[in-house]
C-alpha cells in the first residue's frame, strides 16, 4: 500500500507540473505570437520566455525521483 501511494505521489508531481507548464506555455505562446507579429526583433526574448516554464516539468521530475528513490 505504501509503494502505491508513493507511486501516485510521483505521478502527481509530474502530471500536475506538466499540466501547469502546458497552460503557461499556451498563454505565453499566444502573447508571443502577437509580439513577434508587431516586433520581429523580439523573437529571441519570446523563445526564452517559452523555455522558462519547462523548468517546472524538470523540477516535477526531480521531485518524483526523490519520492521514489529518496530513501
C-alpha atoms as a PDB file:
ATOM      1  CA  UNK A   1       0.000   0.000   0.000  1.00  0.00           C
ATOM      2  CA  UNK A   2       2.833   2.398   0.851  1.00  0.00           C
ATOM      3  CA  UNK A   3       4.510   1.797  -2.513  1.00  0.00           C
ATOM      4  CA  UNK A   4       1.233   2.527  -4.330  1.00  0.00           C
ATOM      5  CA  UNK A   5       0.857   5.865  -2.542  1.00  0.00           C
ATOM      6  CA  UNK A   6       4.452   6.787  -3.316  1.00  0.00           C
ATOM      7  CA  UNK A   7       3.892   5.944  -6.965  1.00  0.00           C
ATOM      8  CA  UNK A   8       0.717   8.034  -7.026  1.00  0.00           C
ATOM      9  CA  UNK A   9       2.553  10.962  -5.436  1.00  0.00           C
ATOM     10  CA  UNK A  10       5.325  10.721  -8.026  1.00  0.00           C
ATOM     11  CA  UNK A  11       2.786  10.577 -10.857  1.00  0.00           C
ATOM     12  CA  UNK A  12       1.017  13.634  -9.488  1.00  0.00           C
ATOM     13  CA  UNK A  13       4.312  15.523  -9.213  1.00  0.00           C
ATOM     14  CA  UNK A  14       4.991  15.028 -12.908  1.00  0.00           C
ATOM     15  CA  UNK A  15       1.380  15.259 -14.095  1.00  0.00           C
ATOM     16  CA  UNK A  16       0.452  18.468 -12.312  1.00  0.00           C
ATOM     17  CA  UNK A  17       3.697  20.182 -13.253  1.00  0.00           C
ATOM     18  CA  UNK A  18       3.194  19.083 -16.870  1.00  0.00           C
ATOM     19  CA  UNK A  19      -0.329  20.492 -16.967  1.00  0.00           C
ATOM     20  CA  UNK A  20       0.806  23.746 -15.377  1.00  0.00           C
ATOM     21  CA  UNK A  21       3.604  24.064 -17.924  1.00  0.00           C
ATOM     22  CA  UNK A  22       1.229  23.421 -20.821  1.00  0.00           C
ATOM     23  CA  UNK A  23      -1.171  26.067 -19.542  1.00  0.00           C
ATOM     24  CA  UNK A  24       1.616  28.621 -19.028  1.00  0.00           C
ATOM     25  CA  UNK A  25       3.135  27.974 -22.439  1.00  0.00           C
ATOM     26  CA  UNK A  26      -0.235  28.328 -24.155  1.00  0.00           C
ATOM     27  CA  UNK A  27      -0.636  31.782 -22.643  1.00  0.00           C
ATOM     28  CA  UNK A  28       2.942  32.801 -23.365  1.00  0.00           C
ATOM     29  CA  UNK A  29       2.756  31.394 -26.901  1.00  0.00           C
ATOM     30  CA  UNK A  30      -0.337  33.403 -27.772  1.00  0.00           C
ATOM     31  CA  UNK A  31       1.172  36.604 -26.414  1.00  0.00           C
ATOM     32  CA  UNK A  32       4.498  35.806 -28.036  1.00  0.00           C
ATOM     33  CA  UNK A  33       2.912  35.342 -31.453  1.00  0.00           C
ATOM     34  CA  UNK A  34       1.362  38.787 -31.182  1.00  0.00           C
ATOM     35  CA  UNK A  35       4.643  40.266 -30.028  1.00  0.00           C
ATOM     36  CA  UNK A  36       6.600  38.743 -32.905  1.00  0.00           C
ATOM     37  CA  UNK A  37       3.971  39.969 -35.386  1.00  0.00           C
ATOM     38  CA  UNK A  38       4.480  43.541 -34.192  1.00  0.00           C
ATOM     39  CA  UNK A  39       8.209  43.475 -33.362  1.00  0.00           C
ATOM     40  CA  UNK A  40      10.122  40.639 -35.066  1.00  0.00           C
ATOM     41  CA  UNK A  41      13.365  41.653 -33.327  1.00  0.00           C
ATOM     42  CA  UNK A  42      11.968  40.307 -30.004  1.00  0.00           C
ATOM     43  CA  UNK A  43      11.944  36.724 -31.310  1.00  0.00           C
ATOM     44  CA  UNK A  44      14.815  35.623 -29.029  1.00  0.00           C
ATOM     45  CA  UNK A  45      13.113  37.017 -25.934  1.00  0.00           C
ATOM     46  CA  UNK A  46       9.893  35.174 -26.751  1.00  0.00           C
ATOM     47  CA  UNK A  47      11.797  31.910 -27.188  1.00  0.00           C
ATOM     48  CA  UNK A  48      13.442  32.362 -23.788  1.00  0.00           C
ATOM     49  CA  UNK A  49      10.079  33.143 -22.200  1.00  0.00           C
ATOM     50  CA  UNK A  50       8.669  29.934 -23.705  1.00  0.00           C
ATOM     51  CA  UNK A  51      11.570  27.904 -22.313  1.00  0.00           C
ATOM     52  CA  UNK A  52      11.296  29.149 -18.724  1.00  0.00           C
ATOM     53  CA  UNK A  53       8.131  27.155 -17.805  1.00  0.00           C
ATOM     54  CA  UNK A  54       9.887  23.944 -18.861  1.00  0.00           C
ATOM     55  CA  UNK A  55      11.787  24.128 -15.593  1.00  0.00           C
ATOM     56  CA  UNK A  56       8.529  23.274 -13.800  1.00  0.00           C
ATOM     57  CA  UNK A  57       8.430  19.885 -15.514  1.00  0.00           C
ATOM     58  CA  UNK A  58      12.102  19.273 -14.782  1.00  0.00           C
ATOM     59  CA  UNK A  59      11.565  20.118 -11.116  1.00  0.00           C
ATOM     60  CA  UNK A  60       8.475  17.884 -11.043  1.00  0.00           C
ATOM     61  CA  UNK A  61      10.586  15.056 -12.404  1.00  0.00           C
ATOM     62  CA  UNK A  62      13.257  15.665  -9.759  1.00  0.00           C
ATOM     63  CA  UNK A  63      10.612  15.596  -7.026  1.00  0.00           C
ATOM     64  CA  UNK A  64       9.195  12.349  -8.435  1.00  0.00           C
ATOM     65  CA  UNK A  65      12.642  10.750  -8.429  1.00  0.00           C
ATOM     66  CA  UNK A  66      13.199  11.901  -4.853  1.00  0.00           C
ATOM     67  CA  UNK A  67       9.843  10.473  -3.823  1.00  0.00           C
ATOM     68  CA  UNK A  68      10.527   7.112  -5.434  1.00  0.00           C
ATOM     69  CA  UNK A  69      14.227   6.676  -4.684  1.00  0.00           C
ATOM     70  CA  UNK A  70      14.906   9.137  -1.888  1.00  0.00           C
ATOM     71  CA  UNK A  71      15.011   6.624   0.944  1.00  0.00           C
END
